[in-house]
PDB file of N, CA and C in Angstrom:
ATOM      1  N   UNK A   1     -20.455 -21.294   4.574  1.00  0.00           N
ATOM      2  CA  UNK A   1     -19.071 -21.098   4.178  1.00  0.00           C
ATOM      3  C   UNK A   1     -18.220 -20.938   5.429  1.00  0.00           C
ATOM      4  N   UNK A   2     -17.088 -21.575   5.459  1.00  0.00           N
ATOM      5  CA  UNK A   2     -16.186 -21.558   6.598  1.00  0.00           C
ATOM      6  C   UNK A   2     -15.568 -20.174   6.787  1.00  0.00           C
ATOM      7  N   UNK A   3     -15.364 -19.814   8.036  1.00  0.00           N
ATOM      8  CA  UNK A   3     -14.725 -18.536   8.342  1.00  0.00           C
ATOM      9  C   UNK A   3     -13.311 -18.489   7.761  1.00  0.00           C
ATOM     10  N   UNK A   4     -12.611 -19.622   7.796  1.00  0.00           N
ATOM     11  CA  UNK A   4     -11.257 -19.668   7.246  1.00  0.00           C
ATOM     12  C   UNK A   4     -11.270 -19.477   5.731  1.00  0.00           C
ATOM     13  N   UNK A   5     -12.291 -20.005   5.072  1.00  0.00           N
ATOM     14  CA  UNK A   5     -12.410 -19.833   3.629  1.00  0.00           C
ATOM     15  C   UNK A   5     -12.695 -18.371   3.279  1.00  0.00           C
ATOM     16  N   UNK A   6     -13.515 -17.723   4.078  1.00  0.00           N
ATOM     17  CA  UNK A   6     -13.800 -16.295   3.866  1.00  0.00           C
ATOM     18  C   UNK A   6     -12.526 -15.479   4.061  1.00  0.00           C
ATOM     19  N   UNK A   7     -11.744 -15.816   5.076  1.00  0.00           N
ATOM     20  CA  UNK A   7     -10.478 -15.122   5.311  1.00  0.00           C
ATOM     21  C   UNK A   7      -9.516 -15.326   4.135  1.00  0.00           C
ATOM     22  N   UNK A   8      -9.478 -16.541   3.612  1.00  0.00           N
ATOM     23  CA  UNK A   8      -8.600 -16.824   2.475  1.00  0.00           C
ATOM     24  C   UNK A   8      -9.021 -16.005   1.267  1.00  0.00           C
ATOM     25  N   UNK A   9     -10.315 -15.911   1.015  1.00  0.00           N
ATOM     26  CA  UNK A   9     -10.800 -15.115  -0.120  1.00  0.00           C
ATOM     27  C   UNK A   9     -10.506 -13.630   0.076  1.00  0.00           C
ATOM     28  N   UNK A  10     -10.650 -13.143   1.303  1.00  0.00           N
ATOM     29  CA  UNK A  10     -10.334 -11.740   1.589  1.00  0.00           C
ATOM     30  C   UNK A  10      -8.842 -11.479   1.387  1.00  0.00           C
ATOM     31  N   UNK A  11      -8.011 -12.425   1.808  1.00  0.00           N
ATOM     32  CA  UNK A  11      -6.565 -12.265   1.613  1.00  0.00           C
ATOM     33  C   UNK A  11      -6.228 -12.248   0.125  1.00  0.00           C
ATOM     34  N   UNK A  12      -6.907 -13.070  -0.654  1.00  0.00           N
ATOM     35  CA  UNK A  12      -6.663 -13.070  -2.102  1.00  0.00           C
ATOM     36  C   UNK A  12      -7.117 -11.761  -2.747  1.00  0.00           C
ATOM     37  N   UNK A  13      -8.174 -11.162  -2.218  1.00  0.00           N
ATOM     38  CA  UNK A  13      -8.612  -9.856  -2.724  1.00  0.00           C
ATOM     39  C   UNK A  13      -7.545  -8.801  -2.439  1.00  0.00           C
ATOM     40  N   UNK A  14      -6.930  -8.856  -1.260  1.00  0.00           N
ATOM     41  CA  UNK A  14      -5.855  -7.920  -0.921  1.00  0.00           C
ATOM     42  C   UNK A  14      -4.650  -8.157  -1.832  1.00  0.00           C
ATOM     43  N   UNK A  15      -4.388  -9.427  -2.172  1.00  0.00           N
ATOM     44  CA  UNK A  15      -3.288  -9.756  -3.089  1.00  0.00           C
ATOM     45  C   UNK A  15      -3.502  -9.049  -4.421  1.00  0.00           C
ATOM     46  N   UNK A  16      -4.722  -9.104  -4.928  1.00  0.00           N
ATOM     47  CA  UNK A  16      -5.017  -8.465  -6.214  1.00  0.00           C
ATOM     48  C   UNK A  16      -4.783  -6.960  -6.119  1.00  0.00           C
ATOM     49  N   UNK A  17      -5.256  -6.334  -5.041  1.00  0.00           N
ATOM     50  CA  UNK A  17      -5.068  -4.890  -4.875  1.00  0.00           C
ATOM     51  C   UNK A  17      -3.581  -4.524  -4.790  1.00  0.00           C
ATOM     52  N   UNK A  18      -2.812  -5.307  -4.054  1.00  0.00           N
ATOM     53  CA  UNK A  18      -1.383  -5.018  -3.934  1.00  0.00           C
ATOM     54  C   UNK A  18      -0.651  -5.237  -5.257  1.00  0.00           C
ATOM     55  N   UNK A  19      -1.060  -6.233  -6.023  1.00  0.00           N
ATOM     56  CA  UNK A  19      -0.432  -6.446  -7.322  1.00  0.00           C
ATOM     57  C   UNK A  19      -0.737  -5.311  -8.285  1.00  0.00           C
ATOM     58  N   UNK A  20      -1.949  -4.760  -8.209  1.00  0.00           N
ATOM     59  CA  UNK A  20      -2.289  -3.601  -9.045  1.00  0.00           C
ATOM     60  C   UNK A  20      -1.406  -2.412  -8.665  1.00  0.00           C
ATOM     61  N   UNK A  21      -1.238  -2.191  -7.355  1.00  0.00           N
ATOM     62  CA  UNK A  21      -0.359  -1.108  -6.904  1.00  0.00           C
ATOM     63  C   UNK A  21       1.085  -1.353  -7.343  1.00  0.00           C
ATOM     64  N   UNK A  22       1.498  -2.594  -7.302  1.00  0.00           N
ATOM     65  CA  UNK A  22       2.858  -2.936  -7.720  1.00  0.00           C
ATOM     66  C   UNK A  22       3.072  -2.625  -9.194  1.00  0.00           C
ATOM     67  N   UNK A  23       2.089  -2.924 -10.012  1.00  0.00           N
ATOM     68  CA  UNK A  23       2.209  -2.651 -11.452  1.00  0.00           C
ATOM     69  C   UNK A  23       2.265  -1.155 -11.742  1.00  0.00           C
ATOM     70  N   UNK A  24       1.619  -0.352 -10.898  1.00  0.00           N
ATOM     71  CA  UNK A  24       1.611   1.096 -11.109  1.00  0.00           C
ATOM     72  C   UNK A  24       2.927   1.756 -10.702  1.00  0.00           C
ATOM     73  N   UNK A  25       3.668   1.109  -9.830  1.00  0.00           N
ATOM     74  CA  UNK A  25       4.944   1.668  -9.359  1.00  0.00           C
ATOM     75  C   UNK A  25       5.998   1.491 -10.448  1.00  0.00           C
ATOM     76  N   UNK A  26       6.981   2.386 -10.490  1.00  0.00           N
ATOM     77  CA  UNK A  26       8.049   2.271 -11.496  1.00  0.00           C
ATOM     78  C   UNK A  26       8.816   0.958 -11.364  1.00  0.00           C
ATOM     79  N   UNK A  27       9.307   0.481 -12.495  1.00  0.00           N
ATOM     80  CA  UNK A  27      10.076  -0.769 -12.500  1.00  0.00           C
ATOM     81  C   UNK A  27      11.322  -0.630 -11.637  1.00  0.00           C
ATOM     82  N   UNK A  28      11.689  -1.681 -10.962  1.00  0.00           N
ATOM     83  CA  UNK A  28      12.873  -1.747 -10.103  1.00  0.00           C
ATOM     84  C   UNK A  28      12.878  -0.716  -8.980  1.00  0.00           C
ATOM     85  N   UNK A  29      11.710  -0.291  -8.548  1.00  0.00           N
ATOM     86  CA  UNK A  29      11.658   0.672  -7.454  1.00  0.00           C
ATOM     87  C   UNK A  29      11.405  -0.063  -6.143  1.00  0.00           C
ATOM     88  N   UNK A  30      11.735   0.598  -5.058  1.00  0.00           N
ATOM     89  CA  UNK A  30      11.505   0.011  -3.740  1.00  0.00           C
ATOM     90  C   UNK A  30      10.009  -0.115  -3.471  1.00  0.00           C
ATOM     91  N   UNK A  31       9.216   0.797  -3.989  1.00  0.00           N
ATOM     92  CA  UNK A  31       7.762   0.702  -3.819  1.00  0.00           C
ATOM     93  C   UNK A  31       7.219  -0.548  -4.490  1.00  0.00           C
ATOM     94  N   UNK A  32       7.679  -0.832  -5.696  1.00  0.00           N
ATOM     95  CA  UNK A  32       7.215  -2.029  -6.401  1.00  0.00           C
ATOM     96  C   UNK A  32       7.597  -3.281  -5.610  1.00  0.00           C
ATOM     97  N   UNK A  33       8.818  -3.287  -5.091  1.00  0.00           N
ATOM     98  CA  UNK A  33       9.283  -4.413  -4.283  1.00  0.00           C
ATOM     99  C   UNK A  33       8.439  -4.549  -3.016  1.00  0.00           C
ATOM    100  N   UNK A  34       8.125  -3.432  -2.375  1.00  0.00           N
ATOM    101  CA  UNK A  34       7.337  -3.464  -1.136  1.00  0.00           C
ATOM    102  C   UNK A  34       5.936  -4.004  -1.400  1.00  0.00           C
ATOM    103  N   UNK A  35       5.296  -3.530  -2.470  1.00  0.00           N
ATOM    104  CA  UNK A  35       3.958  -4.031  -2.785  1.00  0.00           C
ATOM    105  C   UNK A  35       3.998  -5.507  -3.165  1.00  0.00           C
ATOM    106  N   UNK A  36       5.040  -5.921  -3.848  1.00  0.00           N
ATOM    107  CA  UNK A  36       5.192  -7.333  -4.195  1.00  0.00           C
ATOM    108  C   UNK A  36       5.375  -8.201  -2.960  1.00  0.00           C
ATOM    109  N   UNK A  37       6.180  -7.735  -2.014  1.00  0.00           N
ATOM    110  CA  UNK A  37       6.367  -8.473  -0.763  1.00  0.00           C
ATOM    111  C   UNK A  37       5.071  -8.546   0.036  1.00  0.00           C
ATOM    112  N   UNK A  38       4.316  -7.457   0.025  1.00  0.00           N
ATOM    113  CA  UNK A  38       3.016  -7.463   0.708  1.00  0.00           C
ATOM    114  C   UNK A  38       2.061  -8.459   0.065  1.00  0.00           C
ATOM    115  N   UNK A  39       2.066  -8.500  -1.263  1.00  0.00           N
ATOM    116  CA  UNK A  39       1.216  -9.472  -1.965  1.00  0.00           C
ATOM    117  C   UNK A  39       1.639 -10.895  -1.628  1.00  0.00           C
ATOM    118  N   UNK A  40       2.943 -11.135  -1.574  1.00  0.00           N
ATOM    119  CA  UNK A  40       3.435 -12.475  -1.215  1.00  0.00           C
ATOM    120  C   UNK A  40       3.001 -12.846   0.204  1.00  0.00           C
ATOM    121  N   UNK A  41       3.044 -11.886   1.111  1.00  0.00           N
ATOM    122  CA  UNK A  41       2.616 -12.150   2.483  1.00  0.00           C
ATOM    123  C   UNK A  41       1.154 -12.561   2.528  1.00  0.00           C
ATOM    124  N   UNK A  42       0.329 -11.864   1.767  1.00  0.00           N
ATOM    125  CA  UNK A  42      -1.091 -12.196   1.796  1.00  0.00           C
ATOM    126  C   UNK A  42      -1.394 -13.498   1.059  1.00  0.00           C
ATOM    127  N   UNK A  43      -0.555 -13.877   0.107  1.00  0.00           N
ATOM    128  CA  UNK A  43      -0.690 -15.204  -0.496  1.00  0.00           C
ATOM    129  C   UNK A  43      -0.417 -16.268   0.567  1.00  0.00           C
ATOM    130  N   UNK A  44       0.614 -16.043   1.381  1.00  0.00           N
ATOM    131  CA  UNK A  44       0.929 -16.978   2.456  1.00  0.00           C
ATOM    132  C   UNK A  44      -0.223 -17.044   3.462  1.00  0.00           C
ATOM    133  N   UNK A  45      -0.800 -15.885   3.805  1.00  0.00           N
ATOM    134  CA  UNK A  45      -1.951 -15.874   4.715  1.00  0.00           C
ATOM    135  C   UNK A  45      -3.132 -16.631   4.109  1.00  0.00           C
ATOM    136  N   UNK A  46      -3.363 -16.445   2.817  1.00  0.00           N
ATOM    137  CA  UNK A  46      -4.461 -17.153   2.148  1.00  0.00           C
ATOM    138  C   UNK A  46      -4.213 -18.661   2.174  1.00  0.00           C
ATOM    139  N   UNK A  47      -2.966 -19.067   1.960  1.00  0.00           N
ATOM    140  CA  UNK A  47      -2.635 -20.496   2.029  1.00  0.00           C
ATOM    141  C   UNK A  47      -2.873 -21.047   3.437  1.00  0.00           C
ATOM    142  N   UNK A  48      -2.457 -20.312   4.436  1.00  0.00           N
ATOM    143  CA  UNK A  48      -2.670 -20.744   5.819  1.00  0.00           C
ATOM    144  C   UNK A  48      -4.139 -20.889   6.149  1.00  0.00           C
ATOM    145  N   UNK A  49      -4.935 -19.914   5.724  1.00  0.00           N
ATOM    146  CA  UNK A  49      -6.375 -19.990   5.977  1.00  0.00           C
ATOM    147  C   UNK A  49      -7.022 -21.107   5.160  1.00  0.00           C
ATOM    148  N   UNK A  50      -6.526 -21.317   3.955  1.00  0.00           N
ATOM    149  CA  UNK A  50      -7.046 -22.423   3.152  1.00  0.00           C
ATOM    150  C   UNK A  50      -6.732 -23.762   3.789  1.00  0.00           C
ATOM    151  N   UNK A  51      -5.526 -23.888   4.331  1.00  0.00           N
ATOM    152  CA  UNK A  51      -5.173 -25.131   5.026  1.00  0.00           C
ATOM    153  C   UNK A  51      -6.031 -25.317   6.273  1.00  0.00           C
ATOM    154  N   UNK A  52      -6.326 -24.229   6.974  1.00  0.00           N
ATOM    155  CA  UNK A  52      -7.200 -24.324   8.148  1.00  0.00           C
ATOM    156  C   UNK A  52      -8.605 -24.743   7.744  1.00  0.00           C
ATOM    157  N   UNK A  53      -9.085 -24.221   6.624  1.00  0.00           N
ATOM    158  CA  UNK A  53     -10.417 -24.593   6.143  1.00  0.00           C
ATOM    159  C   UNK A  53     -10.476 -26.071   5.803  1.00  0.00           C
ATOM    160  N   UNK A  54      -9.354 -26.617   5.336  1.00  0.00           N
ATOM    161  CA  UNK A  54      -9.309 -28.041   4.997  1.00  0.00           C
ATOM    162  C   UNK A  54      -8.982 -28.909   6.205  1.00  0.00           C
ATOM    163  N   UNK A  55      -8.672 -28.297   7.334  1.00  0.00           N
ATOM    164  CA  UNK A  55      -8.388 -29.039   8.552  1.00  0.00           C
ATOM    165  C   UNK A  55      -6.992 -29.628   8.596  1.00  0.00           C
ATOM    166  N   UNK A  56      -6.053 -29.006   7.915  1.00  0.00           N
ATOM    167  CA  UNK A  56      -4.680 -29.517   7.907  1.00  0.00           C
ATOM    168  C   UNK A  56      -3.916 -29.038   9.134  1.00  0.00           C
ATOM    169  N   UNK A  57      -2.734 -29.622   9.378  1.00  0.00           N
ATOM    170  CA  UNK A  57      -1.898 -29.489  10.566  1.00  0.00           C
ATOM    171  C   UNK A  57      -1.729 -28.116  11.168  1.00  0.00           C
ATOM    172  N   UNK A  58      -1.630 -28.083  12.496  1.00  0.00           N
ATOM    173  CA  UNK A  58      -1.489 -26.851  13.246  1.00  0.00           C
ATOM    174  C   UNK A  58      -0.110 -26.228  13.152  1.00  0.00           C
ATOM    175  N   UNK A  59       0.944 -27.040  13.175  1.00  0.00           N
ATOM    176  CA  UNK A  59       2.306 -26.511  13.103  1.00  0.00           C
ATOM    177  C   UNK A  59       2.553 -25.832  11.763  1.00  0.00           C
ATOM    178  N   UNK A  60       2.046 -26.397  10.697  1.00  0.00           N
ATOM    179  CA  UNK A  60       2.222 -25.811   9.367  1.00  0.00           C
ATOM    180  C   UNK A  60       1.555 -24.446   9.298  1.00  0.00           C
ATOM    181  N   UNK A  61       0.401 -24.353   9.899  1.00  0.00           N
ATOM    182  CA  UNK A  61      -0.335 -23.075   9.892  1.00  0.00           C
ATOM    183  C   UNK A  61       0.423 -22.034  10.715  1.00  0.00           C
ATOM    184  N   UNK A  62       1.004 -22.449  11.819  1.00  0.00           N
ATOM    185  CA  UNK A  62       1.794 -21.539  12.642  1.00  0.00           C
ATOM    186  C   UNK A  62       2.995 -21.013  11.867  1.00  0.00           C
ATOM    187  N   UNK A  63       3.668 -21.907  11.156  1.00  0.00           N
ATOM    188  CA  UNK A  63       4.840 -21.502  10.367  1.00  0.00           C
ATOM    189  C   UNK A  63       4.427 -20.554   9.240  1.00  0.00           C
ATOM    190  N   UNK A  64       3.326 -20.841   8.546  1.00  0.00           N
ATOM    191  CA  UNK A  64       2.887 -19.957   7.456  1.00  0.00           C
ATOM    192  C   UNK A  64       2.507 -18.587   8.003  1.00  0.00           C
ATOM    193  N   UNK A  65       1.893 -18.552   9.172  1.00  0.00           N
ATOM    194  CA  UNK A  65       1.548 -17.258   9.775  1.00  0.00           C
ATOM    195  C   UNK A  65       2.800 -16.457  10.122  1.00  0.00           C
ATOM    196  N   UNK A  66       3.814 -17.140  10.640  1.00  0.00           N
ATOM    197  CA  UNK A  66       5.063 -16.453  10.986  1.00  0.00           C
ATOM    198  C   UNK A  66       5.775 -15.946   9.733  1.00  0.00           C
ATOM    199  N   UNK A  67       5.773 -16.745   8.675  1.00  0.00           N
ATOM    200  CA  UNK A  67       6.391 -16.309   7.416  1.00  0.00           C
ATOM    201  C   UNK A  67       5.628 -15.116   6.847  1.00  0.00           C
ATOM    202  N   UNK A  68       4.304 -15.164   6.884  1.00  0.00           N
ATOM    203  CA  UNK A  68       3.489 -14.045   6.400  1.00  0.00           C
ATOM    204  C   UNK A  68       3.744 -12.775   7.182  1.00  0.00           C
ATOM    205  N   UNK A  69       3.835 -12.903   8.504  1.00  0.00           N
ATOM    206  CA  UNK A  69       4.106 -11.723   9.342  1.00  0.00           C
ATOM    207  C   UNK A  69       5.491 -11.160   9.048  1.00  0.00           C
ATOM    208  N   UNK A  70       6.465 -12.034   8.837  1.00  0.00           N
ATOM    209  CA  UNK A  70       7.812 -11.563   8.504  1.00  0.00           C
ATOM    210  C   UNK A  70       7.812 -10.835   7.158  1.00  0.00           C
ATOM    211  N   UNK A  71       7.085 -11.376   6.194  1.00  0.00           N
ATOM    212  CA  UNK A  71       6.999 -10.710   4.883  1.00  0.00           C
ATOM    213  C   UNK A  71       6.319  -9.344   4.983  1.00  0.00           C
ATOM    214  N   UNK A  72       5.299  -9.245   5.809  1.00  0.00           N
ATOM    215  CA  UNK A  72       4.635  -7.951   6.019  1.00  0.00           C
ATOM    216  C   UNK A  72       5.623  -6.959   6.632  1.00  0.00           C
ATOM    217  N   UNK A  73       6.389  -7.412   7.612  1.00  0.00           N
ATOM    218  CA  UNK A  73       7.389  -6.541   8.240  1.00  0.00           C
ATOM    219  C   UNK A  73       8.425  -6.044   7.255  1.00  0.00           C
ATOM    220  N   UNK A  74       8.946  -6.945   6.435  1.00  0.00           N
ATOM    221  CA  UNK A  74       9.934  -6.548   5.425  1.00  0.00           C
ATOM    222  C   UNK A  74       9.306  -5.609   4.408  1.00  0.00           C
ATOM    223  N   UNK A  75       8.061  -5.867   4.047  1.00  0.00           N
ATOM    224  CA  UNK A  75       7.356  -4.993   3.105  1.00  0.00           C
ATOM    225  C   UNK A  75       7.212  -3.577   3.659  1.00  0.00           C
ATOM    226  N   UNK A  76       6.832  -3.473   4.922  1.00  0.00           N
ATOM    227  CA  UNK A  76       6.689  -2.148   5.540  1.00  0.00           C
ATOM    228  C   UNK A  76       8.022  -1.428   5.651  1.00  0.00           C
ATOM    229  N   UNK A  77       9.078  -2.160   5.994  1.00  0.00           N
ATOM    230  CA  UNK A  77      10.400  -1.540   6.054  1.00  0.00           C
ATOM    231  C   UNK A  77      10.846  -1.052   4.672  1.00  0.00           C
ATOM    232  N   UNK A  78      10.593  -1.844   3.658  1.00  0.00           N
ATOM    233  CA  UNK A  78      10.960  -1.455   2.291  1.00  0.00           C
ATOM    234  C   UNK A  78      10.172  -0.231   1.845  1.00  0.00           C
ATOM    235  N   UNK A  79       8.890  -0.206   2.184  1.00  0.00           N
ATOM    236  CA  UNK A  79       8.062   0.940   1.804  1.00  0.00           C
ATOM    237  C   UNK A  79       8.512   2.204   2.531  1.00  0.00           C
ATOM    238  N   UNK A  80       8.827   2.092   3.805  1.00  0.00           N
ATOM    239  CA  UNK A  80       9.283   3.277   4.540  1.00  0.00           C
ATOM    240  C   UNK A  80      10.626   3.754   4.004  1.00  0.00           C
ATOM    241  N   UNK A  81      11.493   2.820   3.609  1.00  0.00           N
ATOM    242  CA  UNK A  81      12.781   3.206   3.022  1.00  0.00           C
ATOM    243  C   UNK A  81      12.588   3.908   1.681  1.00  0.00           C
ATOM    244  N   UNK A  82      11.588   3.491   0.926  1.00  0.00           N
ATOM    245  CA  UNK A  82      11.308   4.145  -0.353  1.00  0.00           C
ATOM    246  C   UNK A  82      10.884   5.594  -0.127  1.00  0.00           C
ATOM    247  N   UNK A  83      10.047   5.818   0.880  1.00  0.00           N
ATOM    248  CA  UNK A  83       9.612   7.184   1.158  1.00  0.00           C
ATOM    249  C   UNK A  83      10.757   8.035   1.704  1.00  0.00           C
ATOM    250  N   UNK A  84      11.596   7.448   2.544  1.00  0.00           N
ATOM    251  CA  UNK A  84      12.706   8.200   3.114  1.00  0.00           C
ATOM    252  C   UNK A  84      13.783   8.522   2.085  1.00  0.00           C
ATOM    253  N   UNK A  85      13.970   7.653   1.117  1.00  0.00           N
ATOM    254  CA  UNK A  85      15.027   7.874   0.128  1.00  0.00           C
ATOM    255  C   UNK A  85      14.621   8.878  -0.938  1.00  0.00           C
ATOM    256  N   UNK A  86      13.408   9.376  -0.861  1.00  0.00           N
ATOM    257  CA  UNK A  86      12.985  10.392  -1.809  1.00  0.00           C
ATOM    258  C   UNK A  86      12.468   9.836  -3.115  1.00  0.00           C
ATOM    259  N   UNK A  87      12.042   8.583  -3.099  1.00  0.00           N
ATOM    260  CA  UNK A  87      11.532   7.980  -4.318  1.00  0.00           C
ATOM    261  C   UNK A  87      10.290   8.717  -4.821  1.00  0.00           C
ATOM    262  N   UNK A  88       9.607   9.357  -3.921  1.00  0.00           N
ATOM    263  CA  UNK A  88       8.413  10.096  -4.299  1.00  0.00           C
ATOM    264  C   UNK A  88       8.675  11.598  -4.379  1.00  0.00           C
ATOM    265  N   UNK A  89       9.926  11.996  -4.480  1.00  0.00           N
ATOM    266  CA  UNK A  89      10.249  13.422  -4.451  1.00  0.00           C
ATOM    267  C   UNK A  89       9.625  14.180  -5.620  1.00  0.00           C
ATOM    268  N   UNK A  90       9.545  13.584  -6.799  1.00  0.00           N
ATOM    269  CA  UNK A  90       8.929  14.256  -7.953  1.00  0.00           C
ATOM    270  C   UNK A  90       7.449  14.509  -7.699  1.00  0.00           C
ATOM    271  N   UNK A  91       6.760  13.538  -7.134  1.00  0.00           N
ATOM    272  CA  UNK A  91       5.341  13.732  -6.821  1.00  0.00           C
ATOM    273  C   UNK A  91       5.167  14.798  -5.750  1.00  0.00           C
ATOM    274  N   UNK A  92       6.051  14.805  -4.759  1.00  0.00           N
ATOM    275  CA  UNK A  92       5.963  15.820  -3.708  1.00  0.00           C
ATOM    276  C   UNK A  92       6.250  17.208  -4.279  1.00  0.00           C
ATOM    277  N   UNK A  93       7.188  17.303  -5.208  1.00  0.00           N
ATOM    278  CA  UNK A  93       7.501  18.585  -5.833  1.00  0.00           C
ATOM    279  C   UNK A  93       6.300  19.085  -6.620  1.00  0.00           C
ATOM    280  N   UNK A  94       5.668  18.210  -7.401  1.00  0.00           N
ATOM    281  CA  UNK A  94       4.488  18.620  -8.172  1.00  0.00           C
ATOM    282  C   UNK A  94       3.350  19.032  -7.259  1.00  0.00           C
ATOM    283  N   UNK A  95       3.187  18.320  -6.149  1.00  0.00           N
ATOM    284  CA  UNK A  95       2.127  18.677  -5.201  1.00  0.00           C
ATOM    285  C   UNK A  95       2.389  20.045  -4.594  1.00  0.00           C
ATOM    286  N   UNK A  96       3.633  20.349  -4.253  1.00  0.00           N
ATOM    287  CA  UNK A  96       3.932  21.655  -3.667  1.00  0.00           C
ATOM    288  C   UNK A  96       3.740  22.776  -4.684  1.00  0.00           C
ATOM    289  N   UNK A  97       4.047  22.516  -5.957  1.00  0.00           N
ATOM    290  CA  UNK A  97       3.801  23.510  -7.009  1.00  0.00           C
ATOM    291  C   UNK A  97       2.301  23.763  -7.143  1.00  0.00           C
ATOM    292  N   UNK A  98       1.513  22.699  -7.107  1.00  0.00           N
ATOM    293  CA  UNK A  98       0.061  22.856  -7.223  1.00  0.00           C
ATOM    294  C   UNK A  98      -0.506  23.628  -6.036  1.00  0.00           C
ATOM    295  N   UNK A  99       0.017  23.372  -4.833  1.00  0.00           N
ATOM    296  CA  UNK A  99      -0.438  24.089  -3.651  1.00  0.00           C
ATOM    297  C   UNK A  99      -0.072  25.562  -3.765  1.00  0.00           C
ATOM    298  N   UNK A 100       1.131  25.868  -4.238  1.00  0.00           N
ATOM    299  CA  UNK A 100       1.560  27.262  -4.387  1.00  0.00           C
ATOM    300  C   UNK A 100       0.689  27.989  -5.414  1.00  0.00           C
ATOM    301  N   UNK A 101       0.363  27.320  -6.524  1.00  0.00           N
ATOM    302  CA  UNK A 101      -0.504  27.928  -7.538  1.00  0.00           C
ATOM    303  C   UNK A 101      -1.887  28.194  -6.979  1.00  0.00           C
ATOM    304  N   UNK A 102      -2.435  27.246  -6.237  1.00  0.00           N
ATOM    305  CA  UNK A 102      -3.761  27.436  -5.653  1.00  0.00           C
ATOM    306  C   UNK A 102      -3.741  28.547  -4.613  1.00  0.00           C
ATOM    307  N   UNK A 103      -2.676  28.629  -3.834  1.00  0.00           N
ATOM    308  CA  UNK A 103      -2.557  29.695  -2.841  1.00  0.00           C
ATOM    309  C   UNK A 103      -2.515  31.063  -3.530  1.00  0.00           C
ATOM    310  N   UNK A 104      -1.781  31.171  -4.638  1.00  0.00           N
ATOM    311  CA  UNK A 104      -1.708  32.427  -5.381  1.00  0.00           C
ATOM    312  C   UNK A 104      -3.075  32.803  -5.948  1.00  0.00           C
ATOM    313  N   UNK A 105      -3.796  31.825  -6.491  1.00  0.00           N
ATOM    314  CA  UNK A 105      -5.144  32.102  -7.023  1.00  0.00           C
ATOM    315  C   UNK A 105      -6.083  32.560  -5.919  1.00  0.00           C
ATOM    316  N   UNK A 106      -5.998  31.928  -4.762  1.00  0.00           N
ATOM    317  CA  UNK A 106      -6.865  32.300  -3.644  1.00  0.00           C
ATOM    318  C   UNK A 106      -6.538  33.704  -3.149  1.00  0.00           C
ATOM    319  N   UNK A 107      -5.260  34.031  -3.034  1.00  0.00           N
ATOM    320  CA  UNK A 107      -4.881  35.371  -2.596  1.00  0.00           C
ATOM    321  C   UNK A 107      -5.319  36.423  -3.605  1.00  0.00           C
ATOM    322  N   UNK A 108      -5.195  36.104  -4.892  1.00  0.00           N
ATOM    323  CA  UNK A 108      -5.638  37.026  -5.937  1.00  0.00           C
ATOM    324  C   UNK A 108      -7.148  37.229  -5.854  1.00  0.00           C
ATOM    325  N   UNK A 109      -7.885  36.141  -5.657  1.00  0.00           N
ATOM    326  CA  UNK A 109      -9.342  36.229  -5.556  1.00  0.00           C
ATOM    327  C   UNK A 109      -9.744  37.046  -4.336  1.00  0.00           C
ATOM    328  N   UNK A 110      -9.080  36.853  -3.209  1.00  0.00           N
ATOM    329  CA  UNK A 110      -9.383  37.611  -2.003  1.00  0.00           C
ATOM    330  C   UNK A 110      -9.034  39.084  -2.177  1.00  0.00           C
ATOM    331  N   UNK A 111      -7.919  39.366  -2.856  1.00  0.00           N
ATOM    332  CA  UNK A 111      -7.530  40.754  -3.098  1.00  0.00           C
ATOM    333  C   UNK A 111      -8.564  41.448  -3.965  1.00  0.00           C
ATOM    334  N   UNK A 112      -9.030  40.773  -5.036  1.00  0.00           N
ATOM    335  CA  UNK A 112     -10.042  41.375  -5.912  1.00  0.00           C
ATOM    336  C   UNK A 112     -11.351  41.594  -5.171  1.00  0.00           C
ATOM    337  N   UNK A 113     -11.734  40.635  -4.331  1.00  0.00           N
ATOM    338  CA  UNK A 113     -12.966  40.788  -3.550  1.00  0.00           C
ATOM    339  C   UNK A 113     -12.840  41.950  -2.580  1.00  0.00           C
ATOM    340  N   UNK A 114     -11.684  42.109  -1.981  1.00  0.00           N
ATOM    341  CA  UNK A 114     -11.459  43.205  -1.054  1.00  0.00           C
ATOM    342  C   UNK A 114     -11.475  44.544  -1.765  1.00  0.00           C
ATOM    343  N   UNK A 115     -10.921  44.608  -2.978  1.00  0.00           N
ATOM    344  CA  UNK A 115     -10.927  45.845  -3.752  1.00  0.00           C
ATOM    345  C   UNK A 115     -12.334  46.211  -4.213  1.00  0.00           C
ATOM    346  N   UNK A 116     -13.142  45.216  -4.525  1.00  0.00           N
ATOM    347  CA  UNK A 116     -14.529  45.482  -4.965  1.00  0.00           C
ATOM    348  C   UNK A 116     -15.371  46.002  -3.823  1.00  0.00           C
ATOM    349  N   UNK A 117     -15.069  45.619  -2.596  1.00  0.00           N
ATOM    350  CA  UNK A 117     -15.826  46.060  -1.436  1.00  0.00           C
ATOM    351  C   UNK A 117     -15.551  47.509  -1.113  1.00  0.00           C
ATOM    352  N   UNK A 118     -14.439  48.043  -1.559  1.00  0.00           N
ATOM    353  CA  UNK A 118     -14.094  49.433  -1.250  1.00  0.00           C
ATOM    354  C   UNK A 118     -14.901  50.349  -2.031  1.00  0.00           C
TER     355      UNK A 118
END
């Protein structure tokens, strides 16, 4: 099996993973858009590697690689903007509540253990 064909299959596997993440993100969210752009980038990479496996033109492969890299860049910028805009603020709030509850349970457990030792 050609190395380029293996790369194309690996890129398609990443596409599937990114599409699953995209489906899990809320509709019309920046995260969904970022995962979709990442999936599109890896589709372009898979196409480039598939063309290389078939022995097609060098300039076309260069252009597909540049388009894929640009899509990855836009995807990362979109994802970072989603995190900065507080799109995950509800999840962060729930996580902080869970940490506070666990901290209270641990302090209570330590206090009871300390009282039993007396």
